[in-house]
């Protein structure tokens, strides 16, 4: 029942739009700050690797291996990837453009930050983005997704929808 409401009701689209704008603003400001102020992910990566050892490691060993052998040697690339990723996810959520993809990519980055030992706003953003992802197209209904997809659906004559059903019944 809740999923049906998320996916089909206009009131859910309004709530999701507010949530999209909030999370999108946070992503855009974080990404823009990294792009304009110069961001180097190597310190974050080294700290995450250091937190994978000891009596109570907070970073899983397999993730520390990935960070040490893949991300740290290419930290310059990962720095740009994080900054541009945050900016693009934020713009997608704010504009309601490819909303489902933006929310999935945002959750992927949040999980990466969590695996690296950073709690911050990540669990909240994962929760909000999971609602956006479950809502599907309704999450972008008030946005460019709604303009393109709903506008296209309005241009298709109603008979085009009814013909396959009539043929199936015959």
Foldseek 3Di string as FASTA:
>chain_A
DVLCCLQDPLVNLVVLLVLLLVLLVVLQVVLVCCVVVPDFCLVLLVLLLVQCDDPDRQAPPVLNCCSVPPCNVVRVVVSNVSSVLSNVLSVCSNQLPVVLVSLVSLLVVLVNCNNSPDDPCSVVSVVSSVSSNSNPLSNSCVHPSVCVPVVVVVPDDPVVVVVVVVVVVD
